Amino acid sequence: MSGIGPVEGPAGGTPSVNSLHPPVHWTDRWTDGRVGRWAGRWQVRRAALSDRGRRTVLAATAALATVAVLCLGHAMRTPEPVPDPGPWPAQVTYIAYESGHLQPMSAPASGVFGFVVSVRDGTPVTILRVTPSFEGLGAEIDPSTPLTVKQGTTRHITIKMIVRKCAGLPLDVDLPVIDVTLRNTRAIQNQSFIFGGGYPRDLSAFLHRICRPTPTSSSSTP
């Protein structure tokens, strides 16, 4: 034997223990096959996971971009003007006193007083209720409520004051008040109307006649 190299084994093909290429056993081939299959499957799964991850990132990026565009468009959009709800009903409704007269003594303890109602602006105003501010005094309106008055128009109404109880009524009234419930398309309001001029005089005369009659007349209400 001459030369440099691995020691050859005996004839018959049995390798020497000093061989650089150890023999491959069948169990080694089986193990190498399983490892190869696992490695291949892992590569496929890793590639699939990477694809899903990329799709997830792309979808999230697209969603964020959409939200950013929508927010930017909303910020740059000109705000729509808020519609004007119109005036409050008490701001445009005016009630003025016209005249009053007493009912005959044979009639119930009542007096009729005339007023003018006008609406200066806005949508129509409806009178829902009319109430005297004094306890013991009732009121009936004609035309009956609800009564609607259109913008720019005037309605003549009469209010019949009825004395239900004289006790506690101020017979000498300086600034009598009538509480009126008004409604339009904006709101419902309770408004107190204060009247001067002839209404305090006529109302006081009415209350004196009913609750403090002269000796020649008799009172019909205690």
N, C-alpha and C. Protein backbone atom coordinates (compact mmCIF):
# COMPACT_ATOMS: atom_id res chain seq x y z
N MET A 1 0.86 -1.19 0.00
CA MET A 1 0.00 0.00 0.00
C MET A 1 0.89 1.21 0.00
N SER A 2 0.59 2.12 -0.88
CA SER A 2 1.41 3.32 -0.98
C SER A 2 0.51 4.52 -1.20
N GLY A 3 1.03 5.71 -1.03
CA GLY A 3 0.26 6.93 -1.22
C GLY A 3 -0.34 7.42 0.07
N ILE A 4 -0.97 8.51 -0.05
CA ILE A 4 -1.58 9.15 1.13
C ILE A 4 -3.08 9.07 0.98
N GLY A 5 -3.76 8.64 1.96
CA GLY A 5 -5.21 8.53 1.90
C GLY A 5 -5.71 7.68 3.02
N PRO A 6 -6.98 7.49 3.05
CA PRO A 6 -7.56 6.69 4.13
C PRO A 6 -7.16 5.24 3.99
N VAL A 7 -7.13 4.61 5.11
CA VAL A 7 -6.79 3.20 5.11
C VAL A 7 -7.95 2.42 4.56
N GLU A 8 -7.71 1.62 3.57
CA GLU A 8 -8.76 0.83 2.97
C GLU A 8 -9.02 -0.39 3.81
N GLY A 9 -10.19 -0.80 3.81
CA GLY A 9 -10.56 -1.98 4.57
C GLY A 9 -10.26 -3.22 3.79
N PRO A 10 -10.52 -4.31 4.37
CA PRO A 10 -10.27 -5.58 3.69
C PRO A 10 -11.20 -5.75 2.53
N ALA A 11 -10.84 -6.66 1.69
CA ALA A 11 -11.68 -6.95 0.52
C ALA A 11 -13.03 -7.42 0.98
N GLY A 12 -13.98 -7.16 0.26
CA GLY A 12 -15.36 -7.52 0.63
C GLY A 12 -16.21 -6.32 0.87
N GLY A 13 -15.58 -5.11 0.89
CA GLY A 13 -16.36 -3.88 0.95
C GLY A 13 -16.68 -3.41 2.32
N THR A 14 -16.20 -4.09 3.37
CA THR A 14 -16.51 -3.61 4.71
C THR A 14 -15.64 -2.43 5.02
N PRO A 15 -16.16 -1.30 5.31
CA PRO A 15 -15.34 -0.10 5.51
C PRO A 15 -14.55 -0.19 6.77
N SER A 16 -13.46 0.51 6.78
CA SER A 16 -12.60 0.57 7.96
C SER A 16 -13.15 1.55 8.95
N VAL A 17 -12.79 1.41 10.18
CA VAL A 17 -13.25 2.32 11.23
C VAL A 17 -12.67 3.69 11.04
N ASN A 18 -11.57 3.79 10.25
CA ASN A 18 -10.95 5.08 10.01
C ASN A 18 -11.50 5.77 8.76
N SER A 19 -12.54 5.23 8.16
CA SER A 19 -13.08 5.80 6.93
C SER A 19 -13.70 7.16 7.20
N LEU A 20 -13.52 8.12 6.26
CA LEU A 20 -14.12 9.46 6.39
C LEU A 20 -15.60 9.44 6.09
N HIS A 21 -16.13 8.43 5.52
CA HIS A 21 -17.56 8.33 5.19
C HIS A 21 -18.14 7.15 5.93
N PRO A 22 -18.68 7.38 7.11
CA PRO A 22 -19.22 6.27 7.88
C PRO A 22 -20.40 5.66 7.16
N PRO A 23 -20.67 4.44 7.44
CA PRO A 23 -21.79 3.77 6.76
C PRO A 23 -23.14 4.37 7.17
N VAL A 24 -24.05 4.38 6.22
CA VAL A 24 -25.40 4.91 6.46
C VAL A 24 -26.30 3.75 6.80
N HIS A 25 -26.81 3.77 8.01
CA HIS A 25 -27.71 2.71 8.45
C HIS A 25 -29.11 3.01 7.96
N TRP A 26 -30.01 2.03 7.88
CA TRP A 26 -31.39 2.25 7.39
C TRP A 26 -32.17 3.15 8.32
N THR A 27 -31.82 3.09 9.63
CA THR A 27 -32.52 3.99 10.56
C THR A 27 -32.14 5.43 10.30
N ASP A 28 -30.89 5.65 9.88
CA ASP A 28 -30.48 7.01 9.56
C ASP A 28 -31.21 7.52 8.34
N ARG A 29 -31.40 6.67 7.36
CA ARG A 29 -32.13 7.11 6.18
C ARG A 29 -33.58 7.44 6.53
N TRP A 30 -34.20 6.65 7.42
CA TRP A 30 -35.59 6.91 7.84
C TRP A 30 -35.70 8.23 8.59
N THR A 31 -34.69 8.48 9.47
CA THR A 31 -34.69 9.73 10.23
C THR A 31 -34.49 10.91 9.31
N ASP A 32 -33.56 10.79 8.39
CA ASP A 32 -33.33 11.89 7.46
C ASP A 32 -34.58 12.18 6.62
N GLY A 33 -35.33 11.17 6.28
CA GLY A 33 -36.55 11.38 5.50
C GLY A 33 -37.60 12.14 6.28
N ARG A 34 -37.78 11.76 7.56
CA ARG A 34 -38.77 12.48 8.38
C ARG A 34 -38.36 13.92 8.59
N VAL A 35 -37.09 14.15 8.85
CA VAL A 35 -36.63 15.52 9.04
C VAL A 35 -36.84 16.33 7.78
N GLY A 36 -36.60 15.72 6.65
CA GLY A 36 -36.80 16.43 5.40
C GLY A 36 -38.26 16.81 5.18
N ARG A 37 -39.13 15.84 5.49
CA ARG A 37 -40.56 16.16 5.32
C ARG A 37 -40.99 17.25 6.28
N TRP A 38 -40.54 17.18 7.56
CA TRP A 38 -40.90 18.23 8.52
C TRP A 38 -40.37 19.58 8.09
N ALA A 39 -39.15 19.57 7.58
CA ALA A 39 -38.58 20.85 7.15
C ALA A 39 -39.38 21.43 5.98
N GLY A 40 -39.79 20.55 5.07
CA GLY A 40 -40.58 21.04 3.94
C GLY A 40 -41.92 21.59 4.38
N ARG A 41 -42.57 20.85 5.30
CA ARG A 41 -43.86 21.35 5.80
C ARG A 41 -43.69 22.68 6.53
N TRP A 42 -42.65 22.80 7.32
CA TRP A 42 -42.42 24.05 8.05
C TRP A 42 -42.19 25.22 7.09
N GLN A 43 -41.47 24.96 6.01
CA GLN A 43 -41.26 26.01 5.03
C GLN A 43 -42.59 26.46 4.42
N VAL A 44 -43.45 25.48 4.11
CA VAL A 44 -44.76 25.82 3.54
C VAL A 44 -45.59 26.60 4.53
N ARG A 45 -45.61 26.14 5.80
CA ARG A 45 -46.40 26.84 6.81
C ARG A 45 -45.87 28.24 7.05
N ARG A 46 -44.54 28.35 7.08
CA ARG A 46 -43.97 29.67 7.31
C ARG A 46 -44.31 30.61 6.16
N ALA A 47 -44.27 30.08 4.96
CA ALA A 47 -44.64 30.91 3.81
C ALA A 47 -46.11 31.31 3.89
N ALA A 48 -46.98 30.34 4.30
CA ALA A 48 -48.41 30.66 4.43
C ALA A 48 -48.64 31.70 5.51
N LEU A 49 -47.96 31.52 6.66
CA LEU A 49 -48.10 32.50 7.73
C LEU A 49 -47.62 33.86 7.27
N SER A 50 -46.58 33.90 6.54
CA SER A 50 -46.06 35.17 6.05
C SER A 50 -47.05 35.83 5.12
N ASP A 51 -47.69 35.02 4.25
CA ASP A 51 -48.71 35.59 3.36
C ASP A 51 -49.87 36.17 4.14
N ARG A 52 -50.35 35.41 5.15
CA ARG A 52 -51.45 35.94 5.96
C ARG A 52 -51.04 37.20 6.70
N GLY A 53 -49.82 37.18 7.22
CA GLY A 53 -49.35 38.37 7.91
C GLY A 53 -49.28 39.57 7.00
N ARG A 54 -48.78 39.34 5.77
CA ARG A 54 -48.72 40.45 4.83
C ARG A 54 -50.11 40.95 4.48
N ARG A 55 -51.04 40.01 4.30
CA ARG A 55 -52.41 40.43 3.99
C ARG A 55 -53.02 41.22 5.15
N THR A 56 -52.73 40.76 6.38
CA THR A 56 -53.25 41.48 7.55
C THR A 56 -52.69 42.89 7.64
N VAL A 57 -51.40 43.01 7.42
CA VAL A 57 -50.77 44.34 7.46
C VAL A 57 -51.33 45.24 6.37
N LEU A 58 -51.49 44.68 5.17
CA LEU A 58 -52.04 45.48 4.08
C LEU A 58 -53.47 45.92 4.38
N ALA A 59 -54.27 44.99 4.93
CA ALA A 59 -55.65 45.35 5.26
C ALA A 59 -55.71 46.43 6.33
N ALA A 60 -54.87 46.29 7.37
CA ALA A 60 -54.85 47.29 8.44
C ALA A 60 -54.39 48.64 7.90
N THR A 61 -53.39 48.62 7.04
CA THR A 61 -52.91 49.88 6.45
C THR A 61 -53.98 50.54 5.61
N ALA A 62 -54.69 49.74 4.82
CA ALA A 62 -55.77 50.30 4.00
C ALA A 62 -56.88 50.89 4.87
N ALA A 63 -57.21 50.18 5.97
CA ALA A 63 -58.25 50.69 6.87
C ALA A 63 -57.83 52.01 7.50
N LEU A 64 -56.59 52.08 7.97
CA LEU A 64 -56.11 53.32 8.57
C LEU A 64 -56.09 54.46 7.55
N ALA A 65 -55.71 54.15 6.33
CA ALA A 65 -55.71 55.19 5.30
C ALA A 65 -57.12 55.68 5.02
N THR A 66 -58.08 54.76 4.99
CA THR A 66 -59.47 55.15 4.76
C THR A 66 -59.98 56.05 5.88
N VAL A 67 -59.68 55.66 7.14
CA VAL A 67 -60.11 56.48 8.28
C VAL A 67 -59.47 57.87 8.21
N ALA A 68 -58.19 57.92 7.85
CA ALA A 68 -57.52 59.21 7.77
C ALA A 68 -58.14 60.10 6.70
N VAL A 69 -58.48 59.50 5.56
CA VAL A 69 -59.11 60.28 4.49
C VAL A 69 -60.48 60.79 4.93
N LEU A 70 -61.25 59.93 5.59
CA LEU A 70 -62.58 60.35 6.05
C LEU A 70 -62.48 61.47 7.08
N CYS A 71 -61.54 61.33 8.03
CA CYS A 71 -61.38 62.37 9.04
C CYS A 71 -60.94 63.69 8.41
N LEU A 72 -60.03 63.61 7.45
CA LEU A 72 -59.58 64.82 6.78
C LEU A 72 -60.71 65.47 6.00
N GLY A 73 -61.51 64.64 5.33
CA GLY A 73 -62.65 65.20 4.59
C GLY A 73 -63.67 65.83 5.50
N HIS A 74 -63.91 65.19 6.67
CA HIS A 74 -64.87 65.77 7.63
C HIS A 74 -64.35 67.08 8.19
N ALA A 75 -63.03 67.15 8.44
CA ALA A 75 -62.47 68.38 8.99
C ALA A 75 -62.50 69.52 7.98
N MET A 76 -62.35 69.19 6.70
CA MET A 76 -62.31 70.22 5.68
C MET A 76 -63.69 70.58 5.15
N ARG A 77 -64.72 69.79 5.52
CA ARG A 77 -66.05 70.05 5.00
C ARG A 77 -66.65 71.29 5.66
N THR A 78 -67.31 72.09 4.89
CA THR A 78 -67.95 73.29 5.41
C THR A 78 -69.18 72.90 6.22
N PRO A 79 -69.29 73.33 7.48
CA PRO A 79 -70.45 72.94 8.29
C PRO A 79 -71.75 73.47 7.70
N GLU A 80 -72.78 72.62 7.77
CA GLU A 80 -74.07 73.02 7.25
C GLU A 80 -74.71 74.06 8.17
N PRO A 81 -75.35 75.06 7.62
CA PRO A 81 -75.98 76.08 8.46
C PRO A 81 -77.13 75.49 9.27
N VAL A 82 -77.22 75.92 10.52
CA VAL A 82 -78.29 75.47 11.40
C VAL A 82 -79.56 76.24 11.06
N PRO A 83 -80.66 75.54 10.79
CA PRO A 83 -81.89 76.26 10.43
C PRO A 83 -82.39 77.11 11.58
N ASP A 84 -82.91 78.26 11.24
CA ASP A 84 -83.43 79.19 12.24
C ASP A 84 -84.76 78.66 12.77
N PRO A 85 -84.86 78.39 14.09
CA PRO A 85 -86.12 77.87 14.62
C PRO A 85 -87.23 78.91 14.68
N GLY A 86 -86.90 80.16 14.43
CA GLY A 86 -87.92 81.20 14.49
C GLY A 86 -88.04 81.80 15.87
N PRO A 87 -88.83 82.84 16.02
CA PRO A 87 -88.96 83.51 17.31
C PRO A 87 -89.80 82.70 18.30
N TRP A 88 -89.61 83.00 19.57
CA TRP A 88 -90.46 82.42 20.61
C TRP A 88 -91.86 83.02 20.49
N PRO A 89 -92.88 82.26 20.83
CA PRO A 89 -94.25 82.78 20.65
C PRO A 89 -94.52 84.04 21.46
N ALA A 90 -93.95 84.12 22.66
CA ALA A 90 -94.19 85.30 23.49
C ALA A 90 -93.51 86.55 22.93
N GLN A 91 -92.52 86.36 22.06
CA GLN A 91 -91.81 87.51 21.50
C GLN A 91 -92.61 88.20 20.40
N VAL A 92 -93.54 87.51 19.80
CA VAL A 92 -94.24 88.07 18.62
C VAL A 92 -95.74 88.22 18.85
N THR A 93 -96.23 87.86 20.03
CA THR A 93 -97.66 87.93 20.31
C THR A 93 -97.96 89.16 21.16
N TYR A 94 -98.92 89.94 20.73
CA TYR A 94 -99.30 91.16 21.44
C TYR A 94 -100.80 91.11 21.73
N ILE A 95 -101.15 91.46 22.97
CA ILE A 95 -102.55 91.50 23.39
C ILE A 95 -102.83 92.88 23.96
N ALA A 96 -103.83 93.53 23.43
CA ALA A 96 -104.20 94.88 23.88
C ALA A 96 -105.66 94.88 24.31
N TYR A 97 -105.95 95.70 25.32
CA TYR A 97 -107.31 95.79 25.84
C TYR A 97 -108.13 96.76 25.01
N GLU A 98 -109.38 96.37 24.72
CA GLU A 98 -110.29 97.23 23.97
C GLU A 98 -111.32 97.88 24.88
N SER A 99 -112.20 97.08 25.44
CA SER A 99 -113.27 97.63 26.27
C SER A 99 -113.89 96.51 27.09
N GLY A 100 -114.73 96.90 28.02
CA GLY A 100 -115.41 95.90 28.84
C GLY A 100 -116.78 96.38 29.24
N HIS A 101 -117.63 95.46 29.54
CA HIS A 101 -118.96 95.81 30.04
C HIS A 101 -119.42 94.73 31.00
N LEU A 102 -120.26 95.15 31.94
CA LEU A 102 -120.75 94.24 32.96
C LEU A 102 -122.02 93.55 32.48
N GLN A 103 -122.17 92.34 32.96
CA GLN A 103 -123.39 91.61 32.67
C GLN A 103 -124.52 92.15 33.55
N PRO A 104 -125.76 92.00 33.14
CA PRO A 104 -126.87 92.42 34.01
C PRO A 104 -126.80 91.72 35.36
N MET A 105 -127.32 92.37 36.37
CA MET A 105 -127.25 91.81 37.71
C MET A 105 -127.98 90.48 37.83
N SER A 106 -128.96 90.26 36.95
CA SER A 106 -129.67 89.00 36.99
C SER A 106 -128.84 87.84 36.46
N ALA A 107 -127.78 88.17 35.71
CA ALA A 107 -126.90 87.14 35.15
C ALA A 107 -125.91 86.68 36.22
N PRO A 108 -125.20 85.58 35.97
CA PRO A 108 -124.17 85.15 36.92
C PRO A 108 -123.13 86.24 37.14
N ALA A 109 -122.37 86.10 38.21
CA ALA A 109 -121.38 87.13 38.58
C ALA A 109 -120.25 87.13 37.57
N SER A 110 -120.45 87.82 36.47
CA SER A 110 -119.46 87.81 35.40
C SER A 110 -119.44 89.15 34.69
N GLY A 111 -118.33 89.39 34.00
CA GLY A 111 -118.18 90.57 33.17
C GLY A 111 -117.42 90.20 31.91
N VAL A 112 -117.71 90.88 30.82
CA VAL A 112 -117.11 90.56 29.53
C VAL A 112 -116.14 91.68 29.15
N PHE A 113 -114.92 91.27 28.78
CA PHE A 113 -113.88 92.23 28.44
C PHE A 113 -113.31 91.87 27.07
N GLY A 114 -113.15 92.90 26.24
CA GLY A 114 -112.67 92.68 24.88
C GLY A 114 -111.18 92.97 24.73
N PHE A 115 -110.51 92.12 23.94
CA PHE A 115 -109.07 92.27 23.70
C PHE A 115 -108.79 92.07 22.21
N VAL A 116 -107.64 92.56 21.79
CA VAL A 116 -107.15 92.37 20.42
C VAL A 116 -105.84 91.60 20.49
N VAL A 117 -105.76 90.51 19.72
CA VAL A 117 -104.55 89.68 19.68
C VAL A 117 -103.94 89.79 18.29
N SER A 118 -102.64 90.02 18.23
CA SER A 118 -101.94 90.10 16.95
C SER A 118 -100.61 89.38 17.05
N VAL A 119 -100.18 88.84 15.91
CA VAL A 119 -98.88 88.16 15.81
C VAL A 119 -98.06 88.93 14.79
N ARG A 120 -96.93 89.46 15.22
CA ARG A 120 -96.15 90.36 14.37
C ARG A 120 -95.19 89.64 13.43
N ASP A 121 -94.73 88.46 13.79
CA ASP A 121 -93.68 87.82 12.99
C ASP A 121 -93.71 86.32 13.21
N GLY A 122 -93.02 85.60 12.30
CA GLY A 122 -92.85 84.16 12.48
C GLY A 122 -94.06 83.35 12.06
N THR A 123 -94.10 82.14 12.56
CA THR A 123 -95.18 81.20 12.24
C THR A 123 -96.42 81.52 13.06
N PRO A 124 -97.57 80.95 12.70
CA PRO A 124 -98.80 81.21 13.47
C PRO A 124 -98.63 80.82 14.94
N VAL A 125 -99.33 81.56 15.79
CA VAL A 125 -99.31 81.32 17.23
C VAL A 125 -100.70 80.87 17.67
N THR A 126 -100.73 79.84 18.48
CA THR A 126 -101.99 79.30 18.98
C THR A 126 -102.13 79.61 20.46
N ILE A 127 -103.27 80.18 20.84
CA ILE A 127 -103.58 80.40 22.25
C ILE A 127 -104.22 79.13 22.78
N LEU A 128 -103.56 78.52 23.75
CA LEU A 128 -104.04 77.26 24.30
C LEU A 128 -104.88 77.44 25.56
N ARG A 129 -104.57 78.49 26.33
CA ARG A 129 -105.25 78.65 27.61
C ARG A 129 -105.15 80.09 28.07
N VAL A 130 -106.20 80.57 28.72
CA VAL A 130 -106.23 81.92 29.31
C VAL A 130 -106.69 81.77 30.75
N THR A 131 -105.89 82.31 31.68
CA THR A 131 -106.18 82.16 33.10
C THR A 131 -105.95 83.48 33.83
N PRO A 132 -106.91 83.97 34.60
CA PRO A 132 -106.65 85.15 35.44
C PRO A 132 -105.65 84.79 36.53
N SER A 133 -104.89 85.77 36.95
CA SER A 133 -103.86 85.50 37.95
C SER A 133 -104.40 85.52 39.37
N PHE A 134 -105.67 85.86 39.56
CA PHE A 134 -106.25 85.94 40.90
C PHE A 134 -107.05 84.68 41.20
N GLU A 135 -106.82 84.12 42.39
CA GLU A 135 -107.63 82.99 42.82
C GLU A 135 -109.06 83.47 43.09
N GLY A 136 -110.00 82.64 42.78
CA GLY A 136 -111.40 83.01 42.94
C GLY A 136 -111.99 83.64 41.71
N LEU A 137 -111.15 83.82 40.67
CA LEU A 137 -111.62 84.44 39.43
C LEU A 137 -111.35 83.48 38.28
N GLY A 138 -112.41 83.14 37.54
CA GLY A 138 -112.28 82.26 36.38
C GLY A 138 -112.42 83.05 35.09
N ALA A 139 -112.14 82.38 33.96
CA ALA A 139 -112.19 83.06 32.67
C ALA A 139 -112.65 82.10 31.60
N GLU A 140 -113.44 82.63 30.66
CA GLU A 140 -113.86 81.90 29.47
C GLU A 140 -113.58 82.78 28.26
N ILE A 141 -112.91 82.22 27.25
CA ILE A 141 -112.52 82.98 26.08
C ILE A 141 -113.43 82.64 24.90
N ASP A 142 -113.74 83.65 24.11
CA ASP A 142 -114.54 83.47 22.91
C ASP A 142 -113.87 84.24 21.77
N PRO A 143 -113.53 83.59 20.64
CA PRO A 143 -113.70 82.17 20.31
C PRO A 143 -112.93 81.27 21.27
N SER A 144 -113.39 80.05 21.37
CA SER A 144 -112.82 79.13 22.34
C SER A 144 -111.42 78.70 21.92
N THR A 145 -110.67 78.25 22.88
CA THR A 145 -109.32 77.75 22.63
C THR A 145 -109.38 76.27 22.24
N PRO A 146 -108.41 75.81 21.46
CA PRO A 146 -107.24 76.54 20.93
C PRO A 146 -107.62 77.49 19.81
N LEU A 147 -107.02 78.67 19.87
CA LEU A 147 -107.31 79.73 18.90
C LEU A 147 -106.00 80.12 18.23
N THR A 148 -105.94 79.99 16.90
CA THR A 148 -104.71 80.25 16.15
C THR A 148 -104.79 81.61 15.47
N VAL A 149 -103.70 82.37 15.61
CA VAL A 149 -103.59 83.69 14.99
C VAL A 149 -102.39 83.66 14.06
N LYS A 150 -102.60 83.97 12.79
CA LYS A 150 -101.52 83.94 11.82
C LYS A 150 -100.68 85.22 11.88
N GLN A 151 -99.48 85.09 11.33
CA GLN A 151 -98.57 86.23 11.30
C GLN A 151 -99.16 87.36 10.46
N GLY A 152 -99.11 88.57 11.00
CA GLY A 152 -99.61 89.73 10.30
C GLY A 152 -101.11 89.93 10.39
N THR A 153 -101.80 89.12 11.20
CA THR A 153 -103.25 89.25 11.33
C THR A 153 -103.62 89.65 12.76
N THR A 154 -104.87 90.07 12.92
CA THR A 154 -105.39 90.51 14.22
C THR A 154 -106.70 89.79 14.49
N ARG A 155 -106.86 89.31 15.71
CA ARG A 155 -108.10 88.66 16.11
C ARG A 155 -108.70 89.39 17.30
N HIS A 156 -110.01 89.61 17.25
CA HIS A 156 -110.73 90.20 18.37
C HIS A 156 -111.31 89.06 19.22
N ILE A 157 -111.02 89.10 20.50
CA ILE A 157 -111.51 88.07 21.40
C ILE A 157 -112.19 88.73 22.59
N THR A 158 -113.04 87.98 23.24
CA THR A 158 -113.65 88.44 24.49
C THR A 158 -113.34 87.42 25.58
N ILE A 159 -113.08 87.94 26.76
CA ILE A 159 -112.82 87.10 27.92
C ILE A 159 -113.88 87.40 28.97
N LYS A 160 -114.64 86.39 29.31
CA LYS A 160 -115.65 86.54 30.35
C LYS A 160 -115.02 86.20 31.69
N MET A 161 -114.93 87.19 32.57
CA MET A 161 -114.42 86.97 33.91
C MET A 161 -115.57 86.56 34.82
N ILE A 162 -115.37 85.48 35.55
CA ILE A 162 -116.40 84.94 36.43
C ILE A 162 -115.86 84.92 37.85
N VAL A 163 -116.58 85.58 38.75
CA VAL A 163 -116.18 85.59 40.16
C VAL A 163 -116.71 84.32 40.81
N ARG A 164 -115.79 83.50 41.27
CA ARG A 164 -116.16 82.25 41.94
C ARG A 164 -116.13 82.40 43.46
N LYS A 165 -115.27 83.30 43.93
CA LYS A 165 -115.17 83.52 45.37
C LYS A 165 -114.57 84.90 45.60
N CYS A 166 -115.28 85.74 46.37
CA CYS A 166 -114.81 87.10 46.59
C CYS A 166 -113.68 87.18 47.60
N ALA A 167 -113.63 86.23 48.54
CA ALA A 167 -112.61 86.28 49.58
C ALA A 167 -111.22 86.20 48.96
N GLY A 168 -110.39 87.19 49.28
CA GLY A 168 -109.03 87.21 48.78
C GLY A 168 -108.85 87.96 47.48
N LEU A 169 -109.93 88.36 46.83
CA LEU A 169 -109.80 89.11 45.58
C LEU A 169 -109.46 90.57 45.87
N PRO A 170 -108.45 91.13 45.20
CA PRO A 170 -108.17 92.57 45.35
C PRO A 170 -109.19 93.38 44.56
N LEU A 171 -110.00 94.15 45.26
CA LEU A 171 -111.05 94.88 44.56
C LEU A 171 -110.51 96.07 43.79
N ASP A 172 -109.45 96.67 44.29
CA ASP A 172 -108.83 97.80 43.59
C ASP A 172 -107.54 97.29 42.93
N VAL A 173 -107.61 97.05 41.65
CA VAL A 173 -106.51 96.44 40.91
C VAL A 173 -105.73 97.52 40.18
N ASP A 174 -104.41 97.54 40.38
CA ASP A 174 -103.56 98.52 39.69
C ASP A 174 -103.04 97.97 38.36
N LEU A 175 -102.42 96.81 38.40
CA LEU A 175 -101.84 96.20 37.20
C LEU A 175 -102.30 94.74 37.12
N PRO A 176 -103.50 94.50 36.63
CA PRO A 176 -103.99 93.13 36.55
C PRO A 176 -103.20 92.32 35.53
N VAL A 177 -103.09 91.03 35.80
CA VAL A 177 -102.31 90.12 34.97
C VAL A 177 -103.22 89.01 34.45
N ILE A 178 -103.02 88.66 33.19
CA ILE A 178 -103.69 87.50 32.60
C ILE A 178 -102.60 86.56 32.10
N ASP A 179 -102.66 85.30 32.55
CA ASP A 179 -101.69 84.29 32.13
C ASP A 179 -102.22 83.58 30.88
N VAL A 180 -101.37 83.55 29.85
CA VAL A 180 -101.76 82.98 28.56
C VAL A 180 -100.72 81.94 28.16
N THR A 181 -101.19 80.77 27.73
CA THR A 181 -100.32 79.73 27.21
C THR A 181 -100.31 79.82 25.69
N LEU A 182 -99.11 80.01 25.12
CA LEU A 182 -98.93 80.21 23.68
C LEU A 182 -98.10 79.07 23.10
N ARG A 183 -98.38 78.79 21.83
CA ARG A 183 -97.62 77.73 21.14
C ARG A 183 -97.38 78.13 19.69
N ASN A 184 -96.16 77.89 19.22
CA ASN A 184 -95.86 77.96 17.79
C ASN A 184 -94.92 76.80 17.45
N THR A 185 -94.32 76.84 16.25
CA THR A 185 -93.48 75.71 15.83
C THR A 185 -92.21 75.59 16.65
N ARG A 186 -91.84 76.63 17.38
CA ARG A 186 -90.61 76.56 18.17
C ARG A 186 -90.84 76.04 19.57
N ALA A 187 -91.88 76.49 20.25
CA ALA A 187 -92.02 76.14 21.66
C ALA A 187 -93.44 76.41 22.14
N ILE A 188 -93.68 75.97 23.37
CA ILE A 188 -94.89 76.31 24.13
C ILE A 188 -94.44 77.14 25.32
N GLN A 189 -95.07 78.30 25.49
CA GLN A 189 -94.68 79.21 26.56
C GLN A 189 -95.89 79.65 27.37
N ASN A 190 -95.65 79.84 28.66
CA ASN A 190 -96.63 80.48 29.54
C ASN A 190 -96.19 81.92 29.74
N GLN A 191 -97.00 82.84 29.29
CA GLN A 191 -96.64 84.25 29.33
C GLN A 191 -97.68 85.02 30.13
N SER A 192 -97.19 85.91 31.00
CA SER A 192 -98.07 86.77 31.79
C SER A 192 -98.14 88.14 31.12
N PHE A 193 -99.34 88.56 30.77
CA PHE A 193 -99.56 89.86 30.15
C PHE A 193 -100.11 90.82 31.21
N ILE A 194 -99.44 91.95 31.36
CA ILE A 194 -99.84 92.98 32.33
C ILE A 194 -100.52 94.10 31.56
N PHE A 195 -101.68 94.51 32.04
CA PHE A 195 -102.47 95.51 31.33
C PHE A 195 -102.63 96.76 32.20
N GLY A 196 -102.46 97.88 31.57
CA GLY A 196 -102.74 99.16 32.22
C GLY A 196 -103.91 99.83 31.54
N GLY A 197 -103.99 101.13 31.71
CA GLY A 197 -105.04 101.88 31.03
C GLY A 197 -106.43 101.57 31.55
N GLY A 198 -107.34 101.30 30.62
CA GLY A 198 -108.74 101.12 31.00
C GLY A 198 -109.05 99.78 31.64
N TYR A 199 -108.24 98.77 31.43
CA TYR A 199 -108.58 97.44 31.97
C TYR A 199 -108.56 97.42 33.50
N PRO A 200 -107.56 97.97 34.19
CA PRO A 200 -107.62 97.98 35.65
C PRO A 200 -108.87 98.70 36.18
N ARG A 201 -109.23 99.80 35.54
CA ARG A 201 -110.41 100.54 35.99
C ARG A 201 -111.69 99.72 35.81
N ASP A 202 -111.85 99.11 34.64
CA ASP A 202 -113.06 98.34 34.38
C ASP A 202 -113.12 97.07 35.22
N LEU A 203 -111.96 96.42 35.42
CA LEU A 203 -111.95 95.22 36.25
C LEU A 203 -112.26 95.54 37.70
N SER A 204 -111.72 96.66 38.20
CA SER A 204 -112.01 97.06 39.58
C SER A 204 -113.49 97.37 39.75
N ALA A 205 -114.08 98.07 38.78
CA ALA A 205 -115.51 98.35 38.86
C ALA A 205 -116.32 97.06 38.87
N PHE A 206 -115.90 96.10 38.08
CA PHE A 206 -116.60 94.81 38.05
C PHE A 206 -116.50 94.10 39.39
N LEU A 207 -115.30 94.05 39.97
CA LEU A 207 -115.12 93.36 41.25
C LEU A 207 -115.87 94.07 42.38
N HIS A 208 -115.88 95.39 42.37
CA HIS A 208 -116.63 96.13 43.38
C HIS A 208 -118.12 95.83 43.27
N ARG A 209 -118.61 95.78 42.08
CA ARG A 209 -120.04 95.55 41.88
C ARG A 209 -120.45 94.17 42.38
N ILE A 210 -119.57 93.16 42.17
CA ILE A 210 -119.92 91.80 42.55
C ILE A 210 -119.64 91.54 44.03
N CYS A 211 -118.49 91.97 44.50
CA CYS A 211 -118.06 91.59 45.84
C CYS A 211 -118.32 92.66 46.90
N ARG A 212 -118.54 93.91 46.51
CA ARG A 212 -118.87 94.96 47.46
C ARG A 212 -119.95 95.84 46.85
N PRO A 213 -121.13 95.31 46.77
CA PRO A 213 -122.20 96.06 46.09
C PRO A 213 -122.67 97.25 46.92
N THR A 214 -123.30 98.19 46.26
CA THR A 214 -123.89 99.35 46.94
C THR A 214 -125.13 98.89 47.69
N PRO A 215 -125.60 99.69 48.66
CA PRO A 215 -126.78 99.26 49.42
C PRO A 215 -128.01 99.01 48.56
N THR A 216 -128.07 99.61 47.37
CA THR A 216 -129.25 99.42 46.53
C THR A 216 -129.21 98.13 45.74
N SER A 217 -128.06 97.43 45.76
CA SER A 217 -127.94 96.18 45.02
C SER A 217 -127.52 95.08 45.98
N SER A 218 -127.66 93.86 45.58
CA SER A 218 -127.33 92.71 46.42
C SER A 218 -126.20 91.93 45.78
N SER A 219 -125.37 91.37 46.62
CA SER A 219 -124.25 90.57 46.12
C SER A 219 -124.71 89.17 45.82
N SER A 220 -124.22 88.64 44.72
CA SER A 220 -124.60 87.28 44.34
C SER A 220 -123.52 86.27 44.67
N THR A 221 -122.34 86.75 45.11
CA THR A 221 -121.23 85.84 45.41
C THR A 221 -120.68 86.17 46.78
N PRO A 222 -120.52 85.18 47.68
CA PRO A 222 -120.02 85.46 49.03
C PRO A 222 -118.56 85.87 49.00
